[in-house]
Amino acid sequence: MAEIILKDIRKTYAGAVEAIQGVSLEIKDGELVVLVGPSGCGKSTLLRMIAGLEGITSGEILIGDRRVNELDPAERDIAMVFQNYALYPHMTVRQNLAYGLKNRKTPKDEIERRIANAAKTLEIEPYLDRKPRQLSGGQRQRVAMGRAIVREPAAFLFDEPLSNLDAKLRGQMRIEIKRLQRSLGTTSVYVTHDQMEAMTLADKLVVVNAGRIEQVGTPIELYEKPATVFVATFIGSPSMNLLGGDSATDGWSLAPNFPRPSGSFTIGVRPEDLTVVAEHAGAGDFEATVRIDGIELVGAESLLHGRLASGQGLVFRVSGRAAFQIGDEAKVAASRENLHLFDAQGIRVTRGS
């Protein structure tokens, strides 16, 4: 096990396109860090640079106490799990697990010990003599993780390993990966574009946007105190509602004593923090009137999609089945502690108590 440190990492392609723009990050020993962001943001490029599959233009990568910039992937003491499993189809599960160890001249009895331990941990013992085509997607992913585990590396790198699985199986595998990482205590870096996957897996969450780190923190820190408008809209489902300016003519308003920054600003409020109130109630620091144009029943709650007078959308949640119909008007409110304020550059403004 080892910590991983990135120091001002940059990646520039031909034509002076800077894909990674000065990323610095410290991943502690035994920590599970998730890099999350939209497609093309640079998260997979960062992972490949840690692995040594992609060269860096400048900066420094340390794994443990070693600078690994010039080391080949095989010399970095890492194991990588890919989204396409990368299993050898002509080999059995046992042979797939043993392949890398044999290439490293690991003694036969040690190979058998490691395979037995990994197979027990991942519950793939019944499948050791099967070939990949005889396995389900989830079983193949377990084998792919087993091939990483038997290496007993300093760090695991996961490149969107669950993206080929259906929704139910992804949920099950998230739990298994978290359990496995905790039991092994191995430093892990996990890349995904799925913010739900990121929130449920991460000890520490790193939001990447356009080759830069937007924010680093625990999942709950990023959810409750997003540093930028980008983080506010990317973390959370449905996304945070964002409203610009302060105009009662648009169908929403702030209490007169609510502290505002100078110049233009954006107010953010999450759907679950909006409460339906009576038409003439003065119930919160934020109030808005919307016309309902969409209703989604999601199990024990409903998501209501409304439109302000300006035409801007606003989403809020209610428990159980909604008492509204399409076309109804609703007044919603939120208290000060549930409002998020961003300046003209989209940066979070710290409010007073």
Protein backbone atom coordinates (compact mmCIF):
# COMPACT_ATOMS: atom_id res chain seq x y z
CA MET A 1 0.00 0.00 0.00
CA ALA A 2 1.14 3.56 -0.65
CA GLU A 3 0.03 7.13 -1.00
CA ILE A 4 -0.17 8.70 -4.46
CA ILE A 5 0.82 12.32 -4.99
CA LEU A 6 0.33 14.39 -8.15
CA LYS A 7 2.30 17.64 -8.34
CA ASP A 8 1.24 20.21 -10.96
CA ILE A 9 0.53 17.56 -13.61
CA ARG A 10 0.06 18.86 -17.13
CA LYS A 11 -0.68 17.15 -20.42
CA THR A 12 -0.43 19.00 -23.72
CA TYR A 13 -1.16 17.40 -27.06
CA ALA A 14 0.00 18.49 -30.50
CA GLY A 15 -1.47 21.83 -31.41
CA ALA A 16 -0.98 23.14 -27.86
CA VAL A 17 -4.23 21.61 -26.57
CA GLU A 18 -3.77 21.42 -22.79
CA ALA A 19 -5.89 18.45 -21.72
CA ILE A 20 -4.70 18.49 -18.10
CA GLN A 21 -4.04 21.91 -16.59
CA GLY A 22 -1.84 21.82 -13.52
CA VAL A 23 -3.51 19.15 -11.38
CA SER A 24 -2.18 18.61 -7.85
CA LEU A 25 -3.72 15.95 -5.62
CA GLU A 26 -2.76 13.90 -2.56
CA ILE A 27 -4.29 10.43 -2.16
CA LYS A 28 -3.63 8.98 1.27
CA ASP A 29 -2.51 5.43 1.97
CA GLY A 30 -5.57 3.15 2.00
CA GLU A 31 -7.94 5.82 0.69
CA LEU A 32 -10.54 5.27 -2.03
CA VAL A 33 -10.57 8.40 -4.19
CA VAL A 34 -13.08 8.82 -7.01
CA LEU A 35 -12.42 11.09 -9.99
CA VAL A 36 -15.77 12.16 -11.42
CA GLY A 37 -16.74 14.48 -14.23
CA PRO A 38 -18.41 14.62 -17.64
CA SER A 39 -17.08 12.81 -20.69
CA GLY A 40 -13.92 14.44 -22.03
CA CYS A 41 -13.04 16.28 -18.80
CA GLY A 42 -9.67 14.53 -18.39
CA LYS A 43 -10.37 12.10 -15.56
CA SER A 44 -9.40 8.97 -17.54
CA THR A 45 -6.31 10.75 -18.84
CA LEU A 46 -5.26 11.43 -15.24
CA LEU A 47 -5.76 7.77 -14.34
CA ARG A 48 -3.75 6.61 -17.34
CA MET A 49 -0.93 8.96 -16.40
CA ILE A 50 -0.82 7.49 -12.89
CA ALA A 51 -0.71 4.03 -14.46
CA GLY A 52 2.03 5.01 -16.89
CA LEU A 53 -0.12 4.31 -19.95
CA GLU A 54 -0.03 8.01 -20.87
CA GLY A 55 3.03 10.25 -20.68
CA ILE A 56 2.95 13.57 -18.85
CA THR A 57 4.15 16.86 -20.29
CA SER A 58 5.27 18.27 -16.96
CA GLY A 59 4.84 17.73 -13.25
CA GLU A 60 5.62 14.85 -10.94
CA ILE A 61 3.89 11.62 -9.92
CA LEU A 62 4.87 9.81 -6.72
CA ILE A 63 3.62 6.37 -5.66
CA GLY A 64 4.81 5.67 -2.16
CA ASP A 65 8.23 7.23 -1.85
CA ARG A 66 9.12 6.71 -5.52
CA ARG A 67 8.99 9.21 -8.36
CA VAL A 68 7.49 7.16 -11.19
CA ASN A 69 7.47 9.62 -14.11
CA GLU A 70 9.92 7.57 -16.16
CA LEU A 71 8.88 4.09 -14.96
CA ASP A 72 6.98 1.66 -17.20
CA PRO A 73 3.53 0.55 -16.03
CA ALA A 74 4.88 -2.84 -14.92
CA GLU A 75 7.38 -1.11 -12.63
CA ARG A 76 4.88 1.12 -10.81
CA ASP A 77 3.41 -1.60 -8.55
CA ILE A 78 -0.18 -0.85 -9.54
CA ALA A 79 -3.02 -3.01 -10.86
CA MET A 80 -5.70 -1.70 -13.19
CA VAL A 81 -9.31 -2.83 -13.70
CA PHE A 82 -10.86 -1.83 -17.04
CA GLN A 83 -14.50 -1.44 -18.11
CA ASN A 84 -14.14 -4.13 -20.81
CA TYR A 85 -12.77 -6.73 -18.35
CA ALA A 86 -9.69 -7.43 -20.57
CA LEU A 87 -9.85 -11.20 -19.93
CA TYR A 88 -8.18 -13.76 -22.19
CA PRO A 89 -11.12 -15.64 -23.77
CA HIS A 90 -9.15 -18.86 -24.45
CA MET A 91 -8.04 -19.19 -20.80
CA THR A 92 -9.98 -20.42 -17.78
CA VAL A 93 -10.63 -18.12 -14.84
CA ARG A 94 -7.77 -19.80 -12.97
CA GLN A 95 -5.41 -19.24 -15.89
CA ASN A 96 -6.48 -15.62 -16.22
CA LEU A 97 -5.74 -15.02 -12.54
CA ALA A 98 -2.37 -16.76 -12.77
CA TYR A 99 -1.17 -15.21 -16.04
CA GLY A 100 0.43 -12.05 -14.72
CA LEU A 101 2.00 -13.83 -11.76
CA LYS A 102 3.60 -16.44 -14.02
CA ASN A 103 5.10 -13.67 -16.16
CA ARG A 104 6.66 -12.23 -13.01
CA LYS A 105 8.18 -15.65 -12.14
CA THR A 106 6.12 -15.98 -8.97
CA PRO A 107 6.59 -19.43 -7.35
CA LYS A 108 3.82 -21.91 -8.16
CA ASP A 109 2.71 -22.45 -4.56
CA GLU A 110 2.49 -18.66 -4.05
CA ILE A 111 0.37 -18.35 -7.20
CA GLU A 112 -2.03 -21.01 -5.90
CA ARG A 113 -2.25 -19.28 -2.51
CA ARG A 114 -3.09 -15.93 -4.05
CA ILE A 115 -5.65 -17.39 -6.45
CA ALA A 116 -7.36 -19.26 -3.61
CA ASN A 117 -7.52 -16.13 -1.45
CA ALA A 118 -8.85 -13.94 -4.26
CA ALA A 119 -11.40 -16.53 -5.37
CA LYS A 120 -12.72 -16.85 -1.81
CA THR A 121 -12.85 -13.09 -1.29
CA LEU A 122 -14.74 -12.53 -4.56
CA GLU A 123 -16.89 -15.68 -4.31
CA ILE A 124 -15.73 -17.00 -7.70
CA GLU A 125 -14.44 -20.37 -6.50
CA PRO A 126 -17.09 -22.33 -8.48
CA TYR A 127 -16.01 -20.64 -11.71
CA LEU A 128 -12.24 -21.22 -11.62
CA ASP A 129 -12.33 -23.84 -14.39
CA ARG A 130 -14.77 -21.95 -16.62
CA LYS A 131 -13.86 -19.67 -19.50
CA PRO A 132 -15.04 -16.03 -19.67
CA ARG A 133 -17.77 -16.77 -22.23
CA GLN A 134 -19.42 -19.07 -19.67
CA LEU A 135 -19.73 -16.24 -17.12
CA SER A 136 -22.21 -13.40 -16.63
CA GLY A 137 -21.11 -9.76 -16.81
CA GLY A 138 -20.91 -9.49 -13.04
CA GLN A 139 -18.88 -12.68 -12.77
CA ARG A 140 -16.45 -11.45 -15.44
CA GLN A 141 -16.01 -8.21 -13.54
CA ARG A 142 -15.21 -10.16 -10.38
CA VAL A 143 -12.58 -12.10 -12.30
CA ALA A 144 -11.10 -8.85 -13.61
CA MET A 145 -10.89 -7.57 -10.03
CA GLY A 146 -9.40 -10.91 -8.94
CA ARG A 147 -6.63 -10.54 -11.48
CA ALA A 148 -5.80 -7.19 -9.89
CA ILE A 149 -6.02 -8.53 -6.33
CA VAL A 150 -3.61 -11.44 -6.88
CA ARG A 151 -0.94 -8.93 -7.85
CA GLU A 152 -1.06 -7.55 -4.28
CA PRO A 153 -0.17 -4.10 -5.64
CA ALA A 154 0.50 -0.82 -3.85
CA ALA A 155 -2.59 0.67 -5.51
CA PHE A 156 -5.67 -0.27 -7.54
CA LEU A 157 -6.78 1.87 -10.49
CA PHE A 158 -10.38 1.44 -11.72
CA ASP A 159 -11.35 2.87 -15.13
CA GLU A 160 -15.18 2.97 -15.22
CA PRO A 161 -15.35 -0.77 -14.39
CA LEU A 162 -19.16 -0.94 -14.05
CA SER A 163 -20.25 0.94 -17.15
CA ASN A 164 -21.03 -2.25 -19.10
CA LEU A 165 -23.37 -3.64 -16.42
CA ASP A 166 -27.11 -3.08 -16.04
CA ALA A 167 -28.40 -0.74 -13.34
CA LYS A 168 -29.25 -3.43 -10.77
CA LEU A 169 -25.90 -5.18 -11.13
CA ARG A 170 -24.03 -1.87 -10.96
CA GLY A 171 -25.64 -1.21 -7.59
CA GLN A 172 -24.61 -4.64 -6.30
CA MET A 173 -21.06 -4.32 -7.61
CA ARG A 174 -20.65 -0.85 -6.03
CA ILE A 175 -21.30 -2.40 -2.65
CA GLU A 176 -18.89 -5.25 -3.36
CA ILE A 177 -16.10 -2.93 -4.53
CA LYS A 178 -16.49 -0.75 -1.42
CA ARG A 179 -16.47 -3.81 0.86
CA LEU A 180 -13.47 -5.27 -0.95
CA GLN A 181 -11.46 -2.05 -0.79
CA ARG A 182 -12.15 -1.66 2.93
CA SER A 183 -11.14 -5.25 3.69
CA LEU A 184 -7.93 -5.03 1.66
CA GLY A 185 -7.09 -1.46 2.71
CA THR A 186 -5.37 -0.83 -0.63
CA THR A 187 -5.05 2.71 -1.97
CA SER A 188 -7.53 3.00 -4.85
CA VAL A 189 -8.29 5.53 -7.58
CA TYR A 190 -11.65 5.08 -9.30
CA VAL A 191 -12.85 6.93 -12.42
CA THR A 192 -16.52 7.33 -13.31
CA HIS A 193 -18.89 9.79 -14.99
CA ASP A 194 -21.76 8.53 -12.81
CA GLN A 195 -22.17 10.91 -9.87
CA MET A 196 -24.32 8.41 -7.93
CA GLU A 197 -21.54 5.84 -8.23
CA ALA A 198 -19.03 8.46 -7.13
CA MET A 199 -21.08 9.57 -4.11
CA THR A 200 -21.62 6.06 -2.79
CA LEU A 201 -18.06 4.78 -3.28
CA ALA A 202 -15.71 7.61 -2.41
CA ASP A 203 -13.82 8.34 0.78
CA LYS A 204 -12.73 11.46 -1.09
CA LEU A 205 -14.38 12.87 -4.19
CA VAL A 206 -12.52 14.82 -6.89
CA VAL A 207 -14.68 16.70 -9.40
CA VAL A 208 -12.82 17.27 -12.68
CA ASN A 209 -13.89 19.77 -15.32
CA ALA A 210 -12.05 20.72 -18.53
CA GLY A 211 -8.72 19.34 -17.32
CA ARG A 212 -8.85 21.06 -13.91
CA ILE A 213 -9.94 20.06 -10.43
CA GLU A 214 -13.08 21.98 -9.43
CA GLN A 215 -13.30 20.69 -5.86
CA VAL A 216 -11.95 17.98 -3.55
CA GLY A 217 -13.69 16.73 -0.41
CA THR A 218 -15.93 14.07 1.07
CA PRO A 219 -19.13 13.37 -0.87
CA ILE A 220 -21.27 15.08 1.77
CA GLU A 221 -19.00 18.17 1.77
CA LEU A 222 -19.37 18.57 -1.99
CA TYR A 223 -23.12 18.00 -1.79
CA GLU A 224 -23.74 20.45 1.03
CA LYS A 225 -21.15 23.09 0.12
CA PRO A 226 -20.36 23.01 -3.61
CA ALA A 227 -17.49 25.39 -4.37
CA THR A 228 -18.70 26.32 -7.85
CA VAL A 229 -21.82 26.34 -9.98
CA PHE A 230 -20.36 23.42 -11.95
CA VAL A 231 -20.05 21.24 -8.84
CA ALA A 232 -23.51 22.32 -7.66
CA THR A 233 -25.13 21.12 -10.87
CA PHE A 234 -22.98 17.99 -11.37
CA ILE A 235 -23.35 16.55 -7.86
CA GLY A 236 -26.90 15.63 -6.93
CA SER A 237 -29.85 14.15 -8.82
CA PRO A 238 -31.95 15.97 -9.83
CA SER A 239 -29.50 18.86 -10.19
CA MET A 240 -29.58 21.89 -7.96
CA ASN A 241 -31.97 24.63 -9.13
CA LEU A 242 -30.05 27.76 -10.16
CA LEU A 243 -31.66 31.19 -10.55
CA GLY A 244 -29.89 34.35 -11.65
CA GLY A 245 -30.51 37.82 -10.27
CA ASP A 246 -33.33 38.78 -7.93
CA SER A 247 -36.55 39.70 -9.64
CA ALA A 248 -40.05 39.27 -8.21
CA THR A 249 -41.39 39.70 -11.75
CA ASP A 250 -39.81 36.35 -12.62
CA GLY A 251 -41.89 34.64 -9.95
CA TRP A 252 -39.28 34.29 -7.20
CA SER A 253 -37.79 36.49 -4.50
CA LEU A 254 -35.41 36.68 -1.57
CA ALA A 255 -36.13 38.08 1.87
CA PRO A 256 -35.04 41.76 2.13
CA ASN A 257 -32.51 40.96 4.86
CA PHE A 258 -30.85 38.15 2.89
CA PRO A 259 -27.12 39.07 2.41
CA ARG A 260 -26.27 39.59 -1.26
CA PRO A 261 -22.91 40.12 -2.94
CA SER A 262 -22.32 43.24 -4.99
CA GLY A 263 -22.99 42.77 -8.67
CA SER A 264 -24.79 39.85 -10.30
CA PHE A 265 -25.18 36.55 -8.48
CA THR A 266 -26.87 33.15 -8.68
CA ILE A 267 -29.04 31.49 -6.04
CA GLY A 268 -29.03 27.71 -5.80
CA VAL A 269 -31.50 25.47 -3.96
CA ARG A 270 -31.80 21.70 -4.09
CA PRO A 271 -35.20 20.15 -4.96
CA GLU A 272 -35.48 18.41 -1.57
CA ASP A 273 -34.94 21.71 0.28
CA LEU A 274 -38.02 23.35 -1.24
CA THR A 275 -41.25 23.12 0.75
CA VAL A 276 -44.75 23.70 -0.59
CA VAL A 277 -46.43 26.54 1.34
CA ALA A 278 -49.80 28.28 1.33
CA GLU A 279 -50.33 30.95 -1.33
CA HIS A 280 -50.18 33.93 1.05
CA ALA A 281 -47.66 32.53 3.52
CA GLY A 282 -44.41 34.32 4.18
CA ALA A 283 -42.51 31.14 4.91
CA GLY A 284 -38.88 31.50 3.92
CA ASP A 285 -35.86 33.47 2.84
CA PHE A 286 -36.56 32.22 -0.68
CA GLU A 287 -40.01 32.00 -2.27
CA ALA A 288 -41.14 31.10 -5.78
CA THR A 289 -44.37 30.49 -7.64
CA VAL A 290 -44.34 27.91 -10.42
CA ARG A 291 -46.80 26.36 -12.84
CA ILE A 292 -46.50 22.54 -12.84
CA ASP A 293 -45.68 21.06 -16.24
CA GLY A 294 -44.34 17.64 -15.27
CA ILE A 295 -44.81 15.08 -12.49
CA GLU A 296 -42.63 12.01 -11.86
CA LEU A 297 -43.63 9.44 -9.26
CA VAL A 298 -40.39 7.94 -7.95
CA GLY A 299 -41.29 5.31 -5.38
CA ALA A 300 -42.05 6.98 -2.05
CA GLU A 301 -41.82 10.51 -3.44
CA SER A 302 -42.71 12.64 -6.45
CA LEU A 303 -40.58 15.03 -8.46
CA LEU A 304 -42.50 18.06 -9.67
CA HIS A 305 -41.22 20.09 -12.59
CA GLY A 306 -42.48 23.66 -12.71
CA ARG A 307 -41.91 26.88 -14.65
CA LEU A 308 -41.46 30.37 -13.27
CA ALA A 309 -43.08 33.38 -14.93
CA SER A 310 -39.79 33.91 -16.77
CA GLY A 311 -40.02 30.40 -18.25
CA GLN A 312 -37.12 29.09 -16.19
CA GLY A 313 -37.55 25.60 -14.76
CA LEU A 314 -37.68 24.70 -11.07
CA VAL A 315 -37.80 21.17 -9.64
CA PHE A 316 -38.98 20.21 -6.16
CA ARG A 317 -39.79 17.01 -4.27
CA VAL A 318 -42.86 16.01 -2.26
CA SER A 319 -43.52 12.84 -0.28
CA GLY A 320 -45.75 10.19 -1.79
CA ARG A 321 -48.09 10.97 -4.65
CA ALA A 322 -48.28 14.63 -5.59
CA ALA A 323 -51.51 16.46 -4.84
CA PHE A 324 -50.96 18.56 -7.97
CA GLN A 325 -52.05 18.22 -11.57
CA ILE A 326 -50.36 19.47 -14.71
CA GLY A 327 -51.16 23.17 -15.04
CA ASP A 328 -51.60 23.80 -11.30
CA GLU A 329 -49.71 26.60 -9.59
CA ALA A 330 -47.62 25.97 -6.49
CA LYS A 331 -45.76 28.22 -4.10
CA VAL A 332 -42.52 26.84 -2.67
CA ALA A 333 -40.11 28.23 -0.10
CA ALA A 334 -36.69 27.50 1.38
CA SER A 335 -34.92 28.71 4.51
CA ARG A 336 -31.57 30.49 4.55
CA GLU A 337 -29.47 27.51 5.61
CA ASN A 338 -30.59 25.60 2.51
CA LEU A 339 -29.68 28.32 0.00
CA HIS A 340 -26.43 28.47 -1.96
CA LEU A 341 -25.06 31.75 -3.24
CA PHE A 342 -22.61 32.06 -6.16
CA ASP A 343 -20.96 35.20 -7.53
CA ALA A 344 -20.80 36.35 -11.15
CA GLN A 345 -17.86 33.97 -11.80
CA GLY A 346 -19.79 30.98 -10.47
CA ILE A 347 -17.77 30.76 -7.24
CA ARG A 348 -19.46 30.01 -3.93
CA VAL A 349 -19.98 33.02 -1.65
CA THR A 350 -19.64 32.34 2.08
CA ARG A 351 -22.70 33.66 3.89
CA GLY A 352 -22.99 34.79 7.45
CA SER A 353 -24.95 32.81 10.02
